[in-house]
Amino acid sequence: MAKALQYAQVDELLGERNSQRSIARVTGISRVTIASRIKKSASGFAGAPALAPQKGPEKGVGSAGAG
């Protein structure tokens, strides 16, 4: 796999909030390289706002079936 494609995959996995260790396992790129990529990235993955965890359907107050 070309390095550009590997780095694109690393960037995508970082955006999905995967750990450096899991990214290293999936891509075959060393954790040190991934850490360097985070430091050098213009978007700053480490400082990006955290996305809300997706745990399933939302249960709102007053939803059907309550009562």
PDB file of N, CA and C in Angstrom:
ATOM      1  N   MET A   1       0.857  -1.178   0.000  1.00  0.00           N
ATOM      2  CA  MET A   1       0.000   0.000   0.000  1.00  0.00           C
ATOM      3  C   MET A   1       0.901   1.238   0.000  1.00  0.00           C
ATOM      4  N   ALA A   2       0.528   2.222  -0.787  1.00  0.00           N
ATOM      5  CA  ALA A   2       1.311   3.446  -0.880  1.00  0.00           C
ATOM      6  C   ALA A   2       1.226   4.224   0.432  1.00  0.00           C
ATOM      7  N   LYS A   3       2.311   4.920   0.746  1.00  0.00           N
ATOM      8  CA  LYS A   3       2.353   5.675   2.004  1.00  0.00           C
ATOM      9  C   LYS A   3       1.247   6.712   2.086  1.00  0.00           C
ATOM     10  N   ALA A   4       0.940   7.353   0.975  1.00  0.00           N
ATOM     11  CA  ALA A   4      -0.108   8.372   0.987  1.00  0.00           C
ATOM     12  C   ALA A   4      -1.456   7.751   1.380  1.00  0.00           C
ATOM     13  N   LEU A   5      -1.725   6.548   0.890  1.00  0.00           N
ATOM     14  CA  LEU A   5      -2.973   5.878   1.246  1.00  0.00           C
ATOM     15  C   LEU A   5      -2.962   5.457   2.709  1.00  0.00           C
ATOM     16  N   GLN A   6      -1.803   4.990   3.196  1.00  0.00           N
ATOM     17  CA  GLN A   6      -1.704   4.615   4.602  1.00  0.00           C
ATOM     18  C   GLN A   6      -1.922   5.818   5.500  1.00  0.00           C
ATOM     19  N   TYR A   7      -1.319   6.949   5.152  1.00  0.00           N
ATOM     20  CA  TYR A   7      -1.471   8.151   5.970  1.00  0.00           C
ATOM     21  C   TYR A   7      -2.901   8.664   5.921  1.00  0.00           C
ATOM     22  N   ALA A   8      -3.559   8.517   4.776  1.00  0.00           N
ATOM     23  CA  ALA A   8      -4.957   8.918   4.683  1.00  0.00           C
ATOM     24  C   ALA A   8      -5.809   8.039   5.598  1.00  0.00           C
ATOM     25  N   GLN A   9      -5.481   6.741   5.642  1.00  0.00           N
ATOM     26  CA  GLN A   9      -6.206   5.837   6.532  1.00  0.00           C
ATOM     27  C   GLN A   9      -5.950   6.192   7.989  1.00  0.00           C
ATOM     28  N   VAL A  10      -4.700   6.548   8.318  1.00  0.00           N
ATOM     29  CA  VAL A  10      -4.366   6.969   9.685  1.00  0.00           C
ATOM     30  C   VAL A  10      -5.171   8.205  10.055  1.00  0.00           C
ATOM     31  N   ASP A  11      -5.220   9.177   9.161  1.00  0.00           N
ATOM     32  CA  ASP A  11      -5.975  10.406   9.431  1.00  0.00           C
ATOM     33  C   ASP A  11      -7.451  10.109   9.650  1.00  0.00           C
ATOM     34  N   GLU A  12      -8.002   9.204   8.842  1.00  0.00           N
ATOM     35  CA  GLU A  12      -9.414   8.833   8.996  1.00  0.00           C
ATOM     36  C   GLU A  12      -9.662   8.152  10.341  1.00  0.00           C
ATOM     37  N   LEU A  13      -8.781   7.230  10.716  1.00  0.00           N
ATOM     38  CA  LEU A  13      -8.940   6.518  11.980  1.00  0.00           C
ATOM     39  C   LEU A  13      -8.761   7.448  13.174  1.00  0.00           C
ATOM     40  N   LEU A  14      -7.860   8.410  13.048  1.00  0.00           N
ATOM     41  CA  LEU A  14      -7.692   9.396  14.113  1.00  0.00           C
ATOM     42  C   LEU A  14      -8.951  10.242  14.256  1.00  0.00           C
ATOM     43  N   GLY A  15      -9.545  10.597  13.139  1.00  0.00           N
ATOM     44  CA  GLY A  15     -10.780  11.364  13.163  1.00  0.00           C
ATOM     45  C   GLY A  15     -11.918  10.594  13.818  1.00  0.00           C
ATOM     46  N   GLU A  16     -11.842   9.261  13.757  1.00  0.00           N
ATOM     47  CA  GLU A  16     -12.854   8.417  14.396  1.00  0.00           C
ATOM     48  C   GLU A  16     -12.516   8.144  15.858  1.00  0.00           C
ATOM     49  N   ARG A  17     -11.486   8.803  16.348  1.00  0.00           N
ATOM     50  CA  ARG A  17     -11.073   8.705  17.756  1.00  0.00           C
ATOM     51  C   ARG A  17     -10.557   7.314  18.139  1.00  0.00           C
ATOM     52  N   ASN A  18      -9.897   6.621  17.187  1.00  0.00           N
ATOM     53  CA  ASN A  18      -9.266   5.347  17.496  1.00  0.00           C
ATOM     54  C   ASN A  18      -7.953   5.613  18.219  1.00  0.00           C
ATOM     55  N   SER A  19      -7.520   4.659  19.023  1.00  0.00           N
ATOM     56  CA  SER A  19      -6.266   4.823  19.751  1.00  0.00           C
ATOM     57  C   SER A  19      -5.081   4.649  18.800  1.00  0.00           C
ATOM     58  N   GLN A  20      -3.967   5.213  19.195  1.00  0.00           N
ATOM     59  CA  GLN A  20      -2.752   5.083  18.393  1.00  0.00           C
ATOM     60  C   GLN A  20      -2.354   3.618  18.261  1.00  0.00           C
ATOM     61  N   ARG A  21      -2.519   2.862  19.318  1.00  0.00           N
ATOM     62  CA  ARG A  21      -2.150   1.447  19.295  1.00  0.00           C
ATOM     63  C   ARG A  21      -3.019   0.664  18.319  1.00  0.00           C
ATOM     64  N   SER A  22      -4.333   0.931  18.321  1.00  0.00           N
ATOM     65  CA  SER A  22      -5.217   0.207  17.400  1.00  0.00           C
ATOM     66  C   SER A  22      -4.935   0.602  15.951  1.00  0.00           C
ATOM     67  N   ILE A  23      -4.615   1.868  15.728  1.00  0.00           N
ATOM     68  CA  ILE A  23      -4.278   2.324  14.379  1.00  0.00           C
ATOM     69  C   ILE A  23      -3.003   1.640  13.908  1.00  0.00           C
ATOM     70  N   ALA A  24      -2.036   1.497  14.798  1.00  0.00           N
ATOM     71  CA  ALA A  24      -0.783   0.823  14.453  1.00  0.00           C
ATOM     72  C   ALA A  24      -1.050  -0.626  14.058  1.00  0.00           C
ATOM     73  N   ARG A  25      -1.940  -1.295  14.787  1.00  0.00           N
ATOM     74  CA  ARG A  25      -2.266  -2.692  14.462  1.00  0.00           C
ATOM     75  C   ARG A  25      -2.924  -2.801  13.095  1.00  0.00           C
ATOM     76  N   VAL A  26      -3.874  -1.914  12.807  1.00  0.00           N
ATOM     77  CA  VAL A  26      -4.640  -1.990  11.567  1.00  0.00           C
ATOM     78  C   VAL A  26      -3.779  -1.637  10.357  1.00  0.00           C
ATOM     79  N   THR A  27      -2.980  -0.583  10.481  1.00  0.00           N
ATOM     80  CA  THR A  27      -2.249  -0.066   9.327  1.00  0.00           C
ATOM     81  C   THR A  27      -0.844  -0.627   9.169  1.00  0.00           C
ATOM     82  N   GLY A  28      -0.259  -1.103  10.260  1.00  0.00           N
ATOM     83  CA  GLY A  28       1.124  -1.573  10.195  1.00  0.00           C
ATOM     84  C   GLY A  28       2.139  -0.456  10.344  1.00  0.00           C
ATOM     85  N   ILE A  29       1.665   0.754  10.622  1.00  0.00           N
ATOM     86  CA  ILE A  29       2.549   1.908  10.838  1.00  0.00           C
ATOM     87  C   ILE A  29       2.870   1.969  12.323  1.00  0.00           C
ATOM     88  N   SER A  30       4.113   2.317  12.667  1.00  0.00           N
ATOM     89  CA  SER A  30       4.511   2.332  14.075  1.00  0.00           C
ATOM     90  C   SER A  30       3.780   3.418  14.855  1.00  0.00           C
ATOM     91  N   ARG A  31       3.611   3.173  16.155  1.00  0.00           N
ATOM     92  CA  ARG A  31       2.944   4.151  17.019  1.00  0.00           C
ATOM     93  C   ARG A  31       3.726   5.457  17.071  1.00  0.00           C
ATOM     94  N   VAL A  32       5.038   5.370  16.987  1.00  0.00           N
ATOM     95  CA  VAL A  32       5.869   6.578  17.002  1.00  0.00           C
ATOM     96  C   VAL A  32       5.552   7.443  15.782  1.00  0.00           C
ATOM     97  N   THR A  33       5.403   6.815  14.633  1.00  0.00           N
ATOM     98  CA  THR A  33       5.066   7.550  13.417  1.00  0.00           C
ATOM     99  C   THR A  33       3.681   8.176  13.519  1.00  0.00           C
ATOM    100  N   ILE A  34       2.746   7.438  14.094  1.00  0.00           N
ATOM    101  CA  ILE A  34       1.392   7.955  14.265  1.00  0.00           C
ATOM    102  C   ILE A  34       1.400   9.145  15.222  1.00  0.00           C
ATOM    103  N   ALA A  35       2.162   9.035  16.309  1.00  0.00           N
ATOM    104  CA  ALA A  35       2.269  10.145  17.262  1.00  0.00           C
ATOM    105  C   ALA A  35       2.889  11.368  16.593  1.00  0.00           C
ATOM    106  N   SER A  36       3.903  11.154  15.760  1.00  0.00           N
ATOM    107  CA  SER A  36       4.522  12.264  15.036  1.00  0.00           C
ATOM    108  C   SER A  36       3.521  12.906  14.092  1.00  0.00           C
ATOM    109  N   ARG A  37       2.717  12.084  13.468  1.00  0.00           N
ATOM    110  CA  ARG A  37       1.701  12.584  12.538  1.00  0.00           C
ATOM    111  C   ARG A  37       0.686  13.459  13.257  1.00  0.00           C
ATOM    112  N   ILE A  38       0.330  13.080  14.471  1.00  0.00           N
ATOM    113  CA  ILE A  38      -0.608  13.877  15.263  1.00  0.00           C
ATOM    114  C   ILE A  38       0.011  15.233  15.578  1.00  0.00           C
ATOM    115  N   LYS A  39       1.272  15.232  15.980  1.00  0.00           N
ATOM    116  CA  LYS A  39       1.939  16.489  16.331  1.00  0.00           C
ATOM    117  C   LYS A  39       2.077  17.410  15.135  1.00  0.00           C
ATOM    118  N   LYS A  40       2.329  16.841  13.960  1.00  0.00           N
ATOM    119  CA  LYS A  40       2.575  17.646  12.770  1.00  0.00           C
ATOM    120  C   LYS A  40       1.299  18.053  12.043  1.00  0.00           C
ATOM    121  N   SER A  41       0.184  17.420  12.402  1.00  0.00           N
ATOM    122  CA  SER A  41      -1.046  17.672  11.652  1.00  0.00           C
ATOM    123  C   SER A  41      -1.530  19.107  11.857  1.00  0.00           C
ATOM    124  N   ALA A  42      -2.015  19.670  10.798  1.00  0.00           N
ATOM    125  CA  ALA A  42      -2.517  21.044  10.855  1.00  0.00           C
ATOM    126  C   ALA A  42      -3.819  21.122  11.631  1.00  0.00           C
ATOM    127  N   SER A  43      -4.641  20.063  11.535  1.00  0.00           N
ATOM    128  CA  SER A  43      -5.941  20.097  12.207  1.00  0.00           C
ATOM    129  C   SER A  43      -5.811  19.748  13.678  1.00  0.00           C
ATOM    130  N   GLY A  44      -4.700  19.176  14.099  1.00  0.00           N
ATOM    131  CA  GLY A  44      -4.480  18.877  15.506  1.00  0.00           C
ATOM    132  C   GLY A  44      -5.489  17.902  16.067  1.00  0.00           C
ATOM    133  N   PHE A  45      -5.390  16.650  15.690  1.00  0.00           N
ATOM    134  CA  PHE A  45      -6.357  15.645  16.127  1.00  0.00           C
ATOM    135  C   PHE A  45      -6.458  15.587  17.636  1.00  0.00           C
ATOM    136  N   ALA A  46      -5.347  15.757  18.339  1.00  0.00           N
ATOM    137  CA  ALA A  46      -5.365  15.662  19.798  1.00  0.00           C
ATOM    138  C   ALA A  46      -6.196  16.781  20.412  1.00  0.00           C
ATOM    139  N   GLY A  47      -6.242  17.931  19.750  1.00  0.00           N
ATOM    140  CA  GLY A  47      -6.974  19.054  20.296  1.00  0.00           C
ATOM    141  C   GLY A  47      -8.376  19.207  19.722  1.00  0.00           C
ATOM    142  N   ALA A  48      -8.762  18.285  18.850  1.00  0.00           N
ATOM    143  CA  ALA A  48     -10.075  18.377  18.225  1.00  0.00           C
ATOM    144  C   ALA A  48     -11.166  18.115  19.261  1.00  0.00           C
ATOM    145  N   PRO A  49     -12.292  18.766  19.105  1.00  0.00           N
ATOM    146  CA  PRO A  49     -13.371  18.542  20.068  1.00  0.00           C
ATOM    147  C   PRO A  49     -13.851  17.099  20.011  1.00  0.00           C
ATOM    148  N   ALA A  50     -14.150  16.557  21.161  1.00  0.00           N
ATOM    149  CA  ALA A  50     -14.597  15.171  21.243  1.00  0.00           C
ATOM    150  C   ALA A  50     -16.022  15.052  20.717  1.00  0.00           C
ATOM    151  N   LEU A  51     -16.255  14.019  19.954  1.00  0.00           N
ATOM    152  CA  LEU A  51     -17.599  13.761  19.454  1.00  0.00           C
ATOM    153  C   LEU A  51     -18.383  13.021  20.516  1.00  0.00           C
ATOM    154  N   ALA A  52     -19.679  13.236  20.535  1.00  0.00           N
ATOM    155  CA  ALA A  52     -20.527  12.539  21.499  1.00  0.00           C
ATOM    156  C   ALA A  52     -20.530  11.048  21.172  1.00  0.00           C
ATOM    157  N   PRO A  53     -20.419  10.206  22.176  1.00  0.00           N
ATOM    158  CA  PRO A  53     -20.423   8.770  21.911  1.00  0.00           C
ATOM    159  C   PRO A  53     -21.781   8.325  21.370  1.00  0.00           C
ATOM    160  N   GLN A  54     -21.747   7.398  20.439  1.00  0.00           N
ATOM    161  CA  GLN A  54     -22.982   6.901  19.855  1.00  0.00           C
ATOM    162  C   GLN A  54     -23.281   5.553  20.488  1.00  0.00           C
ATOM    163  N   LYS A  55     -24.234   5.535  21.411  1.00  0.00           N
ATOM    164  CA  LYS A  55     -24.529   4.329  22.169  1.00  0.00           C
ATOM    165  C   LYS A  55     -25.860   3.702  21.805  1.00  0.00           C
ATOM    166  N   GLY A  56     -26.571   4.251  20.881  1.00  0.00           N
ATOM    167  CA  GLY A  56     -27.846   3.675  20.498  1.00  0.00           C
ATOM    168  C   GLY A  56     -28.907   4.744  20.372  1.00  0.00           C
ATOM    169  N   PRO A  57     -30.131   4.318  20.203  1.00  0.00           N
ATOM    170  CA  PRO A  57     -31.210   5.290  20.010  1.00  0.00           C
ATOM    171  C   PRO A  57     -31.437   6.133  21.265  1.00  0.00           C
ATOM    172  N   GLU A  58     -31.728   7.388  21.016  1.00  0.00           N
ATOM    173  CA  GLU A  58     -31.999   8.306  22.122  1.00  0.00           C
ATOM    174  C   GLU A  58     -33.380   8.021  22.707  1.00  0.00           C
ATOM    175  N   LYS A  59     -33.480   8.073  23.992  1.00  0.00           N
ATOM    176  CA  LYS A  59     -34.779   7.921  24.665  1.00  0.00           C
ATOM    177  C   LYS A  59     -35.146   9.267  25.263  1.00  0.00           C
ATOM    178  N   GLY A  60     -36.027   9.954  24.581  1.00  0.00           N
ATOM    179  CA  GLY A  60     -36.425  11.279  25.033  1.00  0.00           C
ATOM    180  C   GLY A  60     -37.506  11.212  26.099  1.00  0.00           C
ATOM    181  N   VAL A  61     -37.665  12.299  26.816  1.00  0.00           N
ATOM    182  CA  VAL A  61     -38.718  12.402  27.823  1.00  0.00           C
ATOM    183  C   VAL A  61     -40.053  12.480  27.112  1.00  0.00           C
ATOM    184  N   GLY A  62     -41.026  11.722  27.591  1.00  0.00           N
ATOM    185  CA  GLY A  62     -42.360  11.738  26.993  1.00  0.00           C
ATOM    186  C   GLY A  62     -42.446  10.930  25.715  1.00  0.00           C
ATOM    187  N   SER A  63     -41.535   9.982  25.532  1.00  0.00           N
ATOM    188  CA  SER A  63     -41.586   9.172  24.331  1.00  0.00           C
ATOM    189  C   SER A  63     -42.741   8.186  24.395  1.00  0.00           C
ATOM    190  N   ALA A  64     -43.101   7.665  23.263  1.00  0.00           N
ATOM    191  CA  ALA A  64     -44.235   6.723  23.185  1.00  0.00           C
ATOM    192  C   ALA A  64     -43.985   5.517  24.066  1.00  0.00           C
ATOM    193  N   GLY A  65     -45.035   5.027  24.685  1.00  0.00           N
ATOM    194  CA  GLY A  65     -44.919   3.853  25.529  1.00  0.00           C
ATOM    195  C   GLY A  65     -44.680   4.191  26.990  1.00  0.00           C
ATOM    196  N   ALA A  66     -44.478   5.445  27.289  1.00  0.00           N
ATOM    197  CA  ALA A  66     -44.259   5.839  28.683  1.00  0.00           C
ATOM    198  C   ALA A  66     -45.619   6.106  29.335  1.00  0.00           C
ATOM    199  N   GLY A  67     -45.877   5.469  30.442  1.00  0.00           N
ATOM    200  CA  GLY A  67     -47.061   5.857  31.146  1.00  0.00           C
ATOM    201  C   GLY A  67     -47.977   4.815  31.432  1.00  0.00           C
TER     202      GLY A  67
END
